N, C-alpha and C. Protein backbone atom coordinates (compact mmCIF):
# COMPACT_ATOMS: atom_id res chain seq x y z
N MET A 1 6.87 -11.83 9.68
CA MET A 1 6.80 -13.45 9.09
C MET A 1 5.54 -13.52 8.46
N ALA A 2 5.53 -14.05 7.27
CA ALA A 2 4.42 -14.22 6.44
C ALA A 2 3.61 -15.45 7.35
N ASN A 3 2.18 -15.19 7.23
CA ASN A 3 1.63 -16.40 8.15
C ASN A 3 0.30 -16.60 6.92
N ASN A 4 0.18 -18.16 6.72
CA ASN A 4 -0.54 -18.62 5.67
C ASN A 4 -2.09 -18.74 6.48
N ILE A 5 -2.53 -17.62 7.22
CA ILE A 5 -3.88 -17.91 7.74
C ILE A 5 -4.88 -16.62 7.05
N ALA A 6 -6.21 -16.64 7.52
CA ALA A 6 -6.83 -15.57 7.13
C ALA A 6 -6.52 -14.31 7.54
N PHE A 7 -6.46 -13.05 6.82
CA PHE A 7 -6.11 -11.94 7.16
C PHE A 7 -6.39 -11.33 8.56
N LEU A 8 -5.79 -10.89 9.42
CA LEU A 8 -6.17 -10.46 10.64
C LEU A 8 -5.70 -9.13 11.03
N ALA A 9 -6.39 -7.96 10.82
CA ALA A 9 -5.98 -6.67 11.04
C ALA A 9 -5.41 -6.49 12.36
N THR A 10 -4.12 -5.85 12.48
CA THR A 10 -3.62 -5.23 13.81
C THR A 10 -3.29 -3.87 13.77
N GLY A 11 -4.24 -3.29 13.38
CA GLY A 11 -4.12 -1.71 13.60
C GLY A 11 -5.11 -0.84 12.57
N LYS A 12 -5.03 0.09 12.59
CA LYS A 12 -6.28 1.12 12.07
C LYS A 12 -6.04 0.95 10.28
N THR A 13 -7.12 1.15 9.81
CA THR A 13 -7.31 1.29 8.15
C THR A 13 -7.03 2.75 7.67
N TYR A 14 -5.87 2.80 6.94
CA TYR A 14 -5.53 4.15 6.35
C TYR A 14 -6.20 4.39 4.99
N LEU A 15 -6.57 5.67 4.75
CA LEU A 15 -7.26 5.89 3.44
C LEU A 15 -6.24 6.82 2.80
N LEU A 16 -5.80 6.61 1.43
CA LEU A 16 -4.63 7.49 0.55
C LEU A 16 -5.69 7.88 -0.30
N SER A 17 -5.77 9.14 -0.74
CA SER A 17 -6.65 9.61 -1.99
C SER A 17 -5.44 9.57 -2.90
N VAL A 18 -5.71 8.98 -4.18
CA VAL A 18 -4.51 8.52 -5.15
C VAL A 18 -5.16 9.31 -6.33
N THR A 19 -4.29 10.30 -6.73
CA THR A 19 -4.41 11.22 -7.92
C THR A 19 -3.18 10.76 -9.12
N THR A 20 -3.22 11.87 -9.91
CA THR A 20 -1.78 11.52 -11.08
C THR A 20 -0.67 12.25 -10.38
N THR A 21 -0.61 12.53 -9.36
CA THR A 21 0.35 13.22 -8.48
C THR A 21 0.71 12.27 -7.25
N SER A 22 1.89 11.60 -6.99
CA SER A 22 2.15 10.78 -5.89
C SER A 22 1.80 11.24 -4.69
N ALA A 23 1.34 10.57 -3.81
CA ALA A 23 1.06 11.05 -2.43
C ALA A 23 1.39 9.91 -1.57
N ASN A 24 1.67 10.14 -0.43
CA ASN A 24 2.07 8.80 0.50
C ASN A 24 1.19 9.09 1.96
N VAL A 25 1.39 8.15 2.74
CA VAL A 25 0.66 7.83 4.04
C VAL A 25 1.50 7.04 4.89
N ALA A 26 1.72 7.56 6.02
CA ALA A 26 2.40 6.57 6.97
C ALA A 26 1.45 5.69 7.64
N VAL A 27 1.72 4.43 7.55
CA VAL A 27 0.90 3.36 8.18
C VAL A 27 1.54 2.66 9.23
N TYR A 28 0.82 3.03 10.61
CA TYR A 28 1.18 2.39 11.59
C TYR A 28 0.55 1.12 12.31
N ALA A 29 1.06 0.35 12.97
CA ALA A 29 0.38 -0.90 13.34
C ALA A 29 0.24 -1.12 15.02
N ASP A 30 -0.92 -1.47 15.78
CA ASP A 30 -0.83 -1.67 17.07
C ASP A 30 0.02 -2.55 17.35
N THR A 31 0.26 -3.67 16.91
CA THR A 31 1.40 -4.76 17.23
C THR A 31 2.02 -4.95 16.07
N PRO A 32 3.26 -5.27 16.27
CA PRO A 32 4.07 -5.36 14.89
C PRO A 32 3.68 -6.20 13.80
N ALA A 33 3.63 -5.68 12.61
CA ALA A 33 3.07 -6.15 11.39
C ALA A 33 3.88 -6.09 10.27
N ASN A 34 3.86 -7.18 9.44
CA ASN A 34 4.71 -6.92 8.24
C ASN A 34 3.79 -7.30 7.04
N GLN A 35 2.54 -7.67 7.39
CA GLN A 35 1.95 -7.49 5.99
C GLN A 35 0.60 -6.67 6.01
N PHE A 36 0.06 -6.44 4.81
CA PHE A 36 -0.69 -5.28 4.71
C PHE A 36 -1.67 -5.89 3.67
N ALA A 37 -2.93 -5.43 3.89
CA ALA A 37 -4.08 -5.54 2.94
C ALA A 37 -4.42 -4.26 2.24
N LEU A 38 -4.09 -4.10 1.00
CA LEU A 38 -4.60 -2.93 0.03
C LEU A 38 -5.92 -3.13 -0.91
N TYR A 39 -6.81 -2.24 -0.61
CA TYR A 39 -8.03 -2.31 -1.43
C TYR A 39 -8.10 -0.92 -2.39
N ASN A 40 -8.25 -1.35 -3.53
CA ASN A 40 -8.24 -0.03 -4.75
C ASN A 40 -9.76 -0.04 -4.81
N ASP A 41 -10.59 1.03 -4.86
CA ASP A 41 -11.92 1.21 -5.12
C ASP A 41 -12.18 1.74 -6.37
N GLY A 42 -10.97 2.12 -7.21
CA GLY A 42 -11.29 2.60 -8.65
C GLY A 42 -11.35 1.75 -9.72
N ASN A 43 -11.66 2.37 -10.89
CA ASN A 43 -11.55 1.38 -12.03
C ASN A 43 -10.39 1.57 -12.94
N HIS A 44 -9.20 1.99 -12.32
CA HIS A 44 -7.85 2.06 -12.84
C HIS A 44 -6.88 1.39 -11.98
N GLU A 45 -5.83 0.83 -12.43
CA GLU A 45 -4.79 0.37 -11.59
C GLU A 45 -4.26 1.49 -10.93
N ILE A 46 -3.79 1.33 -9.69
CA ILE A 46 -2.98 2.03 -8.78
C ILE A 46 -1.59 1.51 -8.75
N PHE A 47 -0.59 2.50 -8.98
CA PHE A 47 0.73 1.93 -8.95
C PHE A 47 1.36 2.30 -7.35
N VAL A 48 1.64 1.35 -6.62
CA VAL A 48 2.14 1.57 -5.12
C VAL A 48 3.83 1.27 -5.04
N LYS A 49 4.38 2.24 -4.00
CA LYS A 49 5.56 1.81 -3.87
C LYS A 49 5.67 2.05 -2.27
N THR A 50 6.51 1.14 -1.68
CA THR A 50 6.61 1.24 -0.11
C THR A 50 8.16 1.85 0.32
N GLY A 51 8.15 2.43 1.51
CA GLY A 51 9.20 2.88 1.86
C GLY A 51 9.27 3.11 3.53
N SER A 52 10.55 3.61 3.71
CA SER A 52 10.86 4.00 5.47
C SER A 52 10.93 5.40 5.64
N THR A 53 10.69 6.24 4.77
CA THR A 53 10.60 7.69 4.84
C THR A 53 9.47 8.36 4.45
N SER A 54 9.01 9.58 4.74
CA SER A 54 8.17 10.45 4.28
C SER A 54 8.38 10.76 2.76
N GLY A 55 9.59 10.79 2.37
CA GLY A 55 9.73 11.09 0.88
C GLY A 55 9.58 10.23 -0.18
N THR A 56 8.94 8.98 0.31
CA THR A 56 8.50 7.74 -0.43
C THR A 56 7.92 8.27 -1.82
N THR A 57 8.09 8.00 -3.02
CA THR A 57 7.36 8.48 -4.12
C THR A 57 7.17 7.25 -5.02
N ALA A 58 5.85 7.36 -5.51
CA ALA A 58 5.49 6.31 -6.68
C ALA A 58 5.75 6.87 -8.06
N VAL A 59 6.21 6.23 -8.83
CA VAL A 59 6.20 6.69 -10.35
C VAL A 59 5.71 5.66 -11.30
N ILE A 60 4.73 5.99 -12.29
CA ILE A 60 4.26 4.97 -13.13
C ILE A 60 5.13 4.31 -14.18
N PRO A 61 5.69 3.03 -14.46
CA PRO A 61 6.72 2.80 -15.18
C PRO A 61 6.15 3.41 -16.40
N THR A 62 7.03 3.16 -17.75
CA THR A 62 6.85 3.62 -18.82
C THR A 62 7.28 2.52 -19.69
N SER A 63 7.10 2.32 -21.01
CA SER A 63 7.68 1.35 -21.81
C SER A 63 9.15 1.39 -21.91
N GLY A 64 9.85 0.32 -21.36
CA GLY A 64 11.11 0.30 -21.58
C GLY A 64 11.95 1.00 -20.11
N THR A 65 11.29 1.65 -19.22
CA THR A 65 11.91 2.28 -18.07
C THR A 65 11.05 1.70 -16.99
N GLY A 66 11.96 0.76 -15.96
CA GLY A 66 11.44 0.23 -14.97
C GLY A 66 11.15 1.18 -13.96
N GLN A 67 10.36 1.07 -12.71
CA GLN A 67 10.21 1.85 -11.59
C GLN A 67 9.78 0.83 -10.56
N TYR A 68 10.36 1.07 -9.19
CA TYR A 68 10.15 0.20 -7.99
C TYR A 68 8.82 0.22 -7.40
N GLY A 69 8.02 -0.84 -7.12
CA GLY A 69 6.87 -0.80 -6.73
C GLY A 69 5.82 -2.05 -7.29
N PHE A 70 4.65 -1.78 -7.30
CA PHE A 70 3.80 -2.97 -7.87
C PHE A 70 2.31 -2.26 -8.06
N VAL A 71 1.50 -2.99 -8.84
CA VAL A 71 0.19 -2.63 -9.28
C VAL A 71 -0.66 -3.28 -8.11
N VAL A 72 -1.76 -2.51 -7.76
CA VAL A 72 -3.20 -2.83 -7.31
C VAL A 72 -4.23 -2.69 -8.36
N PRO A 73 -4.52 -4.03 -8.68
CA PRO A 73 -5.60 -4.02 -9.82
C PRO A 73 -6.94 -3.15 -9.46
N PRO A 74 -7.58 -2.65 -10.60
CA PRO A 74 -8.99 -2.12 -10.10
C PRO A 74 -10.00 -3.05 -9.49
N ASN A 75 -10.48 -2.11 -8.28
CA ASN A 75 -11.78 -2.86 -7.51
C ASN A 75 -11.12 -4.10 -7.27
N SER A 76 -9.88 -4.03 -6.54
CA SER A 76 -9.35 -5.43 -6.23
C SER A 76 -8.88 -4.92 -4.79
N ARG A 77 -8.55 -6.34 -3.73
CA ARG A 77 -7.93 -6.48 -2.75
C ARG A 77 -6.65 -7.20 -2.90
N ILE A 78 -5.67 -6.81 -2.44
CA ILE A 78 -4.34 -7.48 -2.46
C ILE A 78 -3.87 -7.68 -0.99
N VAL A 79 -2.87 -8.76 -0.80
CA VAL A 79 -2.20 -8.59 0.56
C VAL A 79 -0.79 -8.65 0.20
N ILE A 80 0.05 -7.99 0.57
CA ILE A 80 1.59 -7.81 0.61
C ILE A 80 2.17 -8.12 1.63
N THR A 81 3.51 -8.49 1.74
CA THR A 81 4.40 -8.81 2.79
C THR A 81 5.51 -7.55 2.66
N ASN A 82 5.89 -6.89 3.99
CA ASN A 82 6.83 -5.66 3.61
C ASN A 82 7.61 -5.51 4.74
N GLY A 83 8.27 -4.52 5.07
CA GLY A 83 9.02 -4.30 6.20
C GLY A 83 7.98 -4.02 7.25
N GLN A 84 8.38 -4.31 8.41
CA GLN A 84 7.54 -4.27 9.48
C GLN A 84 7.11 -2.90 10.22
N ALA A 85 5.88 -2.64 10.43
CA ALA A 85 5.30 -1.52 10.99
C ALA A 85 5.15 -1.66 12.29
N ASN A 86 5.09 -0.86 13.26
CA ASN A 86 4.66 -0.76 14.75
C ASN A 86 3.97 0.63 15.23
N GLY A 87 3.90 0.51 16.37
CA GLY A 87 3.39 1.82 17.06
C GLY A 87 4.12 3.00 16.84
N THR A 88 5.28 2.76 16.45
CA THR A 88 6.60 3.99 16.54
C THR A 88 7.10 4.20 15.34
N ASN A 89 7.06 3.09 14.41
CA ASN A 89 7.88 2.95 13.09
C ASN A 89 7.02 2.53 11.91
N PRO A 90 6.56 3.48 11.13
CA PRO A 90 5.50 3.18 10.20
C PRO A 90 6.15 2.73 8.84
N VAL A 91 5.32 2.20 7.88
CA VAL A 91 5.69 1.65 6.61
C VAL A 91 5.02 2.79 5.82
N TYR A 92 5.73 3.65 4.84
CA TYR A 92 5.29 4.64 4.29
C TYR A 92 4.60 4.01 2.57
N PHE A 93 3.28 4.33 2.39
CA PHE A 93 3.06 3.72 1.36
C PHE A 93 2.93 5.06 0.28
N ALA A 94 3.37 4.81 -0.85
CA ALA A 94 3.34 6.00 -1.74
C ALA A 94 2.42 5.29 -3.25
N ALA A 95 1.22 6.31 -3.70
CA ALA A 95 0.60 5.65 -4.79
C ALA A 95 0.43 6.72 -5.73
N ILE A 96 0.02 6.20 -6.91
CA ILE A 96 -0.24 7.09 -8.03
C ILE A 96 -1.00 6.62 -8.96
N VAL A 97 -1.73 7.24 -9.88
CA VAL A 97 -2.73 6.59 -10.81
C VAL A 97 -2.56 7.40 -12.05
N ASP A 98 -2.71 6.88 -13.10
CA ASP A 98 -2.69 7.34 -14.61
C ASP A 98 -3.80 8.50 -14.81
N THR A 99 -5.21 8.36 -14.30
CA THR A 99 -5.86 9.30 -14.43
C THR A 99 -7.03 9.14 -13.29
N GLY A 100 -7.67 10.30 -13.06
CA GLY A 100 -8.68 10.47 -12.13
C GLY A 100 -8.14 10.46 -10.66
N THR A 101 -9.27 9.96 -9.60
CA THR A 101 -9.02 10.11 -8.34
C THR A 101 -9.47 8.98 -7.94
N HIS A 102 -8.52 7.91 -6.87
CA HIS A 102 -9.32 6.79 -6.35
C HIS A 102 -8.79 6.83 -4.88
N ASN A 103 -9.63 5.70 -4.33
CA ASN A 103 -9.05 5.68 -2.97
C ASN A 103 -8.41 4.50 -2.59
N LEU A 104 -7.32 4.46 -1.98
CA LEU A 104 -6.44 2.88 -1.67
C LEU A 104 -6.72 2.92 -0.26
N TYR A 105 -7.19 1.83 0.30
CA TYR A 105 -7.26 1.68 1.88
C TYR A 105 -6.22 0.70 1.92
N ILE A 106 -5.35 1.00 3.17
CA ILE A 106 -4.26 -0.02 3.69
C ILE A 106 -4.51 -0.27 5.04
N THR A 107 -4.77 -1.53 5.49
CA THR A 107 -4.68 -1.92 6.67
C THR A 107 -3.51 -3.03 6.95
N PRO A 108 -2.74 -2.62 8.20
CA PRO A 108 -1.83 -3.60 8.48
C PRO A 108 -2.16 -4.74 9.20
N GLY A 109 -1.71 -5.87 9.00
CA GLY A 109 -1.98 -7.16 9.91
C GLY A 109 -1.15 -8.32 9.50
N GLU A 110 -1.74 -9.47 9.79
CA GLU A 110 -0.94 -10.74 9.54
C GLU A 110 -1.82 -11.81 8.81
N GLY A 111 -1.45 -12.37 7.88
CA GLY A 111 -2.36 -13.53 7.23
C GLY A 111 -2.30 -12.99 5.59
N MET A 112 -2.69 -13.89 4.94
CA MET A 112 -2.74 -13.75 3.42
C MET A 112 -4.04 -13.51 2.74
N SER A 113 -5.13 -13.87 3.16
CA SER A 113 -6.25 -13.95 2.41
C SER A 113 -7.59 -13.28 3.14
């Protein structure tokens, strides 16, 4: 459930090295969490897709062709609400960028800002 409180981490922060080839990471939480803080430390947008399996893949949309997922702006932190992660069931985060290599930090928790 989304909480309108300051973000409180409920698990470890995960690092995903994002390149022009989709990669993913399984994010677990110490206590059930359905909100995640994502921080893009690069100077390009990162396109992210979440899923429930290790086969989750991010694809950058092209003009006229949509893809499932969302954008994390450059040098920005956003908080999303998603399916629940816990100690045994992760949420998979897949990410891709149009050029270079960037870091995407993902932290499970509760709260919005």
